[in-house]
Amino acid sequence: MVRAHVDEELIIPGTHYVDPLKWDPLIMKFCEFFGGGQNVHPSRLAEGWEMPHQLQRAAG
């Protein structure tokens, strides 16, 4: 990686460090989008997989 952009609101004032309490990245795990430890958006990529968490969510 050569360069990255970080929104100024995520920087700890007076430093060049990202505040981990303010940063909530969107990540993909098990073919679904997560943020803040929760599934935040359905994924078309996950439709073909029969993952156990999908079955539990559908039942619950």
PDB file of N, CA and C in Angstrom:
ATOM      1  N   MET A   1       0.852  -1.157   0.000  1.00  0.00           N
ATOM      2  CA  MET A   1       0.000   0.000   0.000  1.00  0.00           C
ATOM      3  C   MET A   1       0.903   1.227   0.000  1.00  0.00           C
ATOM      4  N   VAL A   2       0.543   2.152  -0.840  1.00  0.00           N
ATOM      5  CA  VAL A   2       1.309   3.389  -0.948  1.00  0.00           C
ATOM      6  C   VAL A   2       0.620   4.522  -0.206  1.00  0.00           C
ATOM      7  N   ARG A   3      -0.722   4.547  -0.275  1.00  0.00           N
ATOM      8  CA  ARG A   3      -1.450   5.672   0.293  1.00  0.00           C
ATOM      9  C   ARG A   3      -2.844   5.222   0.717  1.00  0.00           C
ATOM     10  N   ALA A   4      -3.376   5.879   1.721  1.00  0.00           N
ATOM     11  CA  ALA A   4      -4.751   5.631   2.160  1.00  0.00           C
ATOM     12  C   ALA A   4      -5.385   6.954   2.555  1.00  0.00           C
ATOM     13  N   HIS A   5      -6.701   7.050   2.376  1.00  0.00           N
ATOM     14  CA  HIS A   5      -7.422   8.247   2.785  1.00  0.00           C
ATOM     15  C   HIS A   5      -8.274   7.898   4.005  1.00  0.00           C
ATOM     16  N   VAL A   6      -8.246   8.751   4.994  1.00  0.00           N
ATOM     17  CA  VAL A   6      -9.054   8.571   6.197  1.00  0.00           C
ATOM     18  C   VAL A   6      -9.805   9.868   6.438  1.00  0.00           C
ATOM     19  N   ASP A   7     -11.111   9.775   6.649  1.00  0.00           N
ATOM     20  CA  ASP A   7     -11.916  10.953   6.941  1.00  0.00           C
ATOM     21  C   ASP A   7     -11.386  11.627   8.198  1.00  0.00           C
ATOM     22  N   GLU A   8     -11.276  12.943   8.158  1.00  0.00           N
ATOM     23  CA  GLU A   8     -10.734  13.704   9.297  1.00  0.00           C
ATOM     24  C   GLU A   8     -11.493  13.433  10.602  1.00  0.00           C
ATOM     25  N   GLU A   9     -12.771  13.107  10.503  1.00  0.00           N
ATOM     26  CA  GLU A   9     -13.562  12.828  11.713  1.00  0.00           C
ATOM     27  C   GLU A   9     -13.081  11.586  12.449  1.00  0.00           C
ATOM     28  N   LEU A  10     -12.325  10.726  11.786  1.00  0.00           N
ATOM     29  CA  LEU A  10     -11.840   9.490  12.404  1.00  0.00           C
ATOM     30  C   LEU A  10     -10.465   9.629  13.038  1.00  0.00           C
ATOM     31  N   ILE A  11      -9.827  10.780  12.843  1.00  0.00           N
ATOM     32  CA  ILE A  11      -8.477  11.001  13.377  1.00  0.00           C
ATOM     33  C   ILE A  11      -8.555  11.520  14.812  1.00  0.00           C
ATOM     34  N   ILE A  12      -7.695  10.990  15.672  1.00  0.00           N
ATOM     35  CA  ILE A  12      -7.598  11.494  17.045  1.00  0.00           C
ATOM     36  C   ILE A  12      -6.975  12.888  16.963  1.00  0.00           C
ATOM     37  N   PRO A  13      -7.661  13.913  17.496  1.00  0.00           N
ATOM     38  CA  PRO A  13      -7.148  15.284  17.392  1.00  0.00           C
ATOM     39  C   PRO A  13      -5.701  15.415  17.864  1.00  0.00           C
ATOM     40  N   GLY A  14      -4.915  16.139  17.070  1.00  0.00           N
ATOM     41  CA  GLY A  14      -3.519  16.369  17.415  1.00  0.00           C
ATOM     42  C   GLY A  14      -2.586  15.225  17.045  1.00  0.00           C
ATOM     43  N   THR A  15      -3.111  14.182  16.389  1.00  0.00           N
ATOM     44  CA  THR A  15      -2.280  13.035  16.006  1.00  0.00           C
ATOM     45  C   THR A  15      -2.544  12.667  14.539  1.00  0.00           C
ATOM     46  N   HIS A  16      -1.893  11.626  14.097  1.00  0.00           N
ATOM     47  CA  HIS A  16      -2.142  11.037  12.788  1.00  0.00           C
ATOM     48  C   HIS A  16      -2.745   9.637  12.957  1.00  0.00           C
ATOM     49  N   TYR A  17      -3.312   9.371  14.119  1.00  0.00           N
ATOM     50  CA  TYR A  17      -3.836   8.046  14.425  1.00  0.00           C
ATOM     51  C   TYR A  17      -5.348   7.973  14.238  1.00  0.00           C
ATOM     52  N   VAL A  18      -5.809   6.832  13.744  1.00  0.00           N
ATOM     53  CA  VAL A  18      -7.242   6.585  13.603  1.00  0.00           C
ATOM     54  C   VAL A  18      -7.800   6.209  14.966  1.00  0.00           C
ATOM     55  N   ASP A  19      -8.908   6.830  15.329  1.00  0.00           N
ATOM     56  CA  ASP A  19      -9.588   6.522  16.590  1.00  0.00           C
ATOM     57  C   ASP A  19     -10.356   5.212  16.416  1.00  0.00           C
ATOM     58  N   PRO A  20      -9.933   4.135  17.084  1.00  0.00           N
ATOM     59  CA  PRO A  20     -10.592   2.844  16.898  1.00  0.00           C
ATOM     60  C   PRO A  20     -12.045   2.810  17.385  1.00  0.00           C
ATOM     61  N   LEU A  21     -12.423   3.749  18.255  1.00  0.00           N
ATOM     62  CA  LEU A  21     -13.807   3.789  18.728  1.00  0.00           C
ATOM     63  C   LEU A  21     -14.740   4.422  17.705  1.00  0.00           C
ATOM     64  N   LYS A  22     -14.191   5.244  16.815  1.00  0.00           N
ATOM     65  CA  LYS A  22     -15.005   5.891  15.787  1.00  0.00           C
ATOM     66  C   LYS A  22     -15.003   5.124  14.468  1.00  0.00           C
ATOM     67  N   TRP A  23     -13.993   4.299  14.250  1.00  0.00           N
ATOM     68  CA  TRP A  23     -13.837   3.597  12.982  1.00  0.00           C
ATOM     69  C   TRP A  23     -14.663   2.319  12.985  1.00  0.00           C
ATOM     70  N   ASP A  24     -15.582   2.211  12.050  1.00  0.00           N
ATOM     71  CA  ASP A  24     -16.428   1.022  11.936  1.00  0.00           C
ATOM     72  C   ASP A  24     -16.424   0.596  10.472  1.00  0.00           C
ATOM     73  N   PRO A  25     -15.400  -0.162  10.076  1.00  0.00           N
ATOM     74  CA  PRO A  25     -15.295  -0.525   8.664  1.00  0.00           C
ATOM     75  C   PRO A  25     -16.371  -1.517   8.242  1.00  0.00           C
ATOM     76  N   LEU A  26     -16.737  -1.435   6.979  1.00  0.00           N
ATOM     77  CA  LEU A  26     -17.617  -2.422   6.375  1.00  0.00           C
ATOM     78  C   LEU A  26     -16.714  -3.532   5.856  1.00  0.00           C
ATOM     79  N   ILE A  27     -16.936  -4.752   6.325  1.00  0.00           N
ATOM     80  CA  ILE A  27     -16.113  -5.875   5.882  1.00  0.00           C
ATOM     81  C   ILE A  27     -17.006  -6.975   5.339  1.00  0.00           C
ATOM     82  N   MET A  28     -16.413  -7.842   4.546  1.00  0.00           N
ATOM     83  CA  MET A  28     -17.154  -8.995   4.054  1.00  0.00           C
ATOM     84  C   MET A  28     -16.574 -10.221   4.739  1.00  0.00           C
ATOM     85  N   LYS A  29     -17.442 -10.986   5.384  1.00  0.00           N
ATOM     86  CA  LYS A  29     -17.021 -12.262   5.952  1.00  0.00           C
ATOM     87  C   LYS A  29     -18.117 -13.279   5.670  1.00  0.00           C
ATOM     88  N   PHE A  30     -17.710 -14.459   5.332  1.00  0.00           N
ATOM     89  CA  PHE A  30     -18.636 -15.524   4.952  1.00  0.00           C
ATOM     90  C   PHE A  30     -19.625 -15.045   3.896  1.00  0.00           C
ATOM     91  N   CYS A  31     -19.116 -14.290   2.943  1.00  0.00           N
ATOM     92  CA  CYS A  31     -19.885 -13.802   1.779  1.00  0.00           C
ATOM     93  C   CYS A  31     -20.972 -12.801   2.137  1.00  0.00           C
ATOM     94  N   GLU A  32     -20.952 -12.209   3.312  1.00  0.00           N
ATOM     95  CA  GLU A  32     -21.946 -11.214   3.688  1.00  0.00           C
ATOM     96  C   GLU A  32     -21.259  -9.986   4.277  1.00  0.00           C
ATOM     97  N   PHE A  33     -21.939  -8.838   4.214  1.00  0.00           N
ATOM     98  CA  PHE A  33     -21.372  -7.571   4.686  1.00  0.00           C
ATOM     99  C   PHE A  33     -21.668  -7.357   6.165  1.00  0.00           C
ATOM    100  N   PHE A  34     -20.632  -7.028   6.918  1.00  0.00           N
ATOM    101  CA  PHE A  34     -20.755  -6.795   8.351  1.00  0.00           C
ATOM    102  C   PHE A  34     -20.147  -5.459   8.726  1.00  0.00           C
ATOM    103  N   GLY A  35     -20.717  -4.834   9.728  1.00  0.00           N
ATOM    104  CA  GLY A  35     -20.201  -3.612  10.317  1.00  0.00           C
ATOM    105  C   GLY A  35     -20.665  -3.571  11.753  1.00  0.00           C
ATOM    106  N   GLY A  36     -19.778  -3.234  12.643  1.00  0.00           N
ATOM    107  CA  GLY A  36     -20.153  -3.199  14.059  1.00  0.00           C
ATOM    108  C   GLY A  36     -20.544  -4.560  14.608  1.00  0.00           C
ATOM    109  N   GLY A  37     -20.035  -5.619  13.994  1.00  0.00           N
ATOM    110  CA  GLY A  37     -20.323  -6.966  14.474  1.00  0.00           C
ATOM    111  C   GLY A  37     -21.680  -7.502  14.050  1.00  0.00           C
ATOM    112  N   GLN A  38     -22.394  -6.772  13.189  1.00  0.00           N
ATOM    113  CA  GLN A  38     -23.720  -7.212  12.757  1.00  0.00           C
ATOM    114  C   GLN A  38     -23.793  -7.246  11.247  1.00  0.00           C
ATOM    115  N   ASN A  39     -24.628  -8.124  10.732  1.00  0.00           N
ATOM    116  CA  ASN A  39     -24.869  -8.172   9.297  1.00  0.00           C
ATOM    117  C   ASN A  39     -25.618  -6.906   8.929  1.00  0.00           C
ATOM    118  N   VAL A  40     -25.042  -6.100   8.040  1.00  0.00           N
ATOM    119  CA  VAL A  40     -25.637  -4.801   7.729  1.00  0.00           C
ATOM    120  C   VAL A  40     -26.252  -4.709   6.349  1.00  0.00           C
ATOM    121  N   HIS A  41     -25.952  -5.701   5.477  1.00  0.00           N
ATOM    122  CA  HIS A  41     -26.496  -5.624   4.124  1.00  0.00           C
ATOM    123  C   HIS A  41     -26.459  -7.011   3.500  1.00  0.00           C
ATOM    124  N   PRO A  42     -27.542  -7.430   2.876  1.00  0.00           N
ATOM    125  CA  PRO A  42     -27.520  -8.736   2.218  1.00  0.00           C
ATOM    126  C   PRO A  42     -26.553  -8.734   1.033  1.00  0.00           C
ATOM    127  N   SER A  43     -26.020  -9.890   0.715  1.00  0.00           N
ATOM    128  CA  SER A  43     -25.068 -10.014  -0.376  1.00  0.00           C
ATOM    129  C   SER A  43     -25.576 -11.006  -1.405  1.00  0.00           C
ATOM    130  N   ARG A  44     -25.552 -10.608  -2.674  1.00  0.00           N
ATOM    131  CA  ARG A  44     -25.933 -11.532  -3.742  1.00  0.00           C
ATOM    132  C   ARG A  44     -24.934 -12.667  -3.843  1.00  0.00           C
ATOM    133  N   LEU A  45     -23.689 -12.423  -3.447  1.00  0.00           N
ATOM    134  CA  LEU A  45     -22.662 -13.452  -3.468  1.00  0.00           C
ATOM    135  C   LEU A  45     -23.031 -14.600  -2.524  1.00  0.00           C
ATOM    136  N   ALA A  46     -23.693 -14.283  -1.414  1.00  0.00           N
ATOM    137  CA  ALA A  46     -24.033 -15.288  -0.409  1.00  0.00           C
ATOM    138  C   ALA A  46     -25.248 -16.127  -0.780  1.00  0.00           C
ATOM    139  N   GLU A  47     -26.012 -15.706  -1.780  1.00  0.00           N
ATOM    140  CA  GLU A  47     -27.247 -16.411  -2.118  1.00  0.00           C
ATOM    141  C   GLU A  47     -27.021 -17.877  -2.476  1.00  0.00           C
ATOM    142  N   GLY A  48     -25.895 -18.201  -3.099  1.00  0.00           N
ATOM    143  CA  GLY A  48     -25.627 -19.571  -3.519  1.00  0.00           C
ATOM    144  C   GLY A  48     -25.102 -20.472  -2.423  1.00  0.00           C
ATOM    145  N   TRP A  49     -24.784 -19.911  -1.285  1.00  0.00           N
ATOM    146  CA  TRP A  49     -24.225 -20.689  -0.174  1.00  0.00           C
ATOM    147  C   TRP A  49     -25.307 -20.950   0.859  1.00  0.00           C
ATOM    148  N   GLU A  50     -25.316 -22.118   1.418  1.00  0.00           N
ATOM    149  CA  GLU A  50     -26.258 -22.431   2.506  1.00  0.00           C
ATOM    150  C   GLU A  50     -25.475 -22.451   3.809  1.00  0.00           C
ATOM    151  N   MET A  51     -25.146 -21.265   4.279  1.00  0.00           N
ATOM    152  CA  MET A  51     -24.368 -21.127   5.500  1.00  0.00           C
ATOM    153  C   MET A  51     -25.283 -21.317   6.715  1.00  0.00           C
ATOM    154  N   PRO A  52     -24.799 -21.961   7.769  1.00  0.00           N
ATOM    155  CA  PRO A  52     -25.637 -22.192   8.958  1.00  0.00           C
ATOM    156  C   PRO A  52     -26.233 -20.926   9.539  1.00  0.00           C
ATOM    157  N   HIS A  53     -25.486 -19.803   9.556  1.00  0.00           N
ATOM    158  CA  HIS A  53     -26.023 -18.572  10.147  1.00  0.00           C
ATOM    159  C   HIS A  53     -27.202 -18.054   9.329  1.00  0.00           C
ATOM    160  N   GLN A  54     -27.232 -18.318   8.023  1.00  0.00           N
ATOM    161  CA  GLN A  54     -28.373 -17.900   7.204  1.00  0.00           C
ATOM    162  C   GLN A  54     -29.611 -18.702   7.601  1.00  0.00           C
ATOM    163  N   LEU A  55     -29.433 -19.980   7.839  1.00  0.00           N
ATOM    164  CA  LEU A  55     -30.552 -20.830   8.219  1.00  0.00           C
ATOM    165  C   LEU A  55     -31.104 -20.428   9.581  1.00  0.00           C
ATOM    166  N   GLN A  56     -30.229 -20.113  10.538  1.00  0.00           N
ATOM    167  CA  GLN A  56     -30.668 -19.703  11.869  1.00  0.00           C
ATOM    168  C   GLN A  56     -31.412 -18.367  11.803  1.00  0.00           C
ATOM    169  N   ARG A  57     -30.889 -17.445  11.003  1.00  0.00           N
ATOM    170  CA  ARG A  57     -31.524 -16.130  10.886  1.00  0.00           C
ATOM    171  C   ARG A  57     -32.918 -16.259  10.283  1.00  0.00           C
ATOM    172  N   ALA A  58     -33.058 -17.097   9.265  1.00  0.00           N
ATOM    173  CA  ALA A  58     -34.342 -17.279   8.622  1.00  0.00           C
ATOM    174  C   ALA A  58     -35.369 -17.892   9.576  1.00  0.00           C
ATOM    175  N   ALA A  59     -34.913 -18.774  10.462  1.00  0.00           N
ATOM    176  CA  ALA A  59     -35.807 -19.438  11.409  1.00  0.00           C
ATOM    177  C   ALA A  59     -36.152 -18.517  12.579  1.00  0.00           C
ATOM    178  N   GLY A  60     -35.228 -17.564  12.917  1.00  0.00           N
ATOM    179  CA  GLY A  60     -35.397 -16.748  14.114  1.00  0.00           C
ATOM    180  C   GLY A  60     -36.063 -15.494  13.898  1.00  0.00           C
TER     181      GLY A  60
END
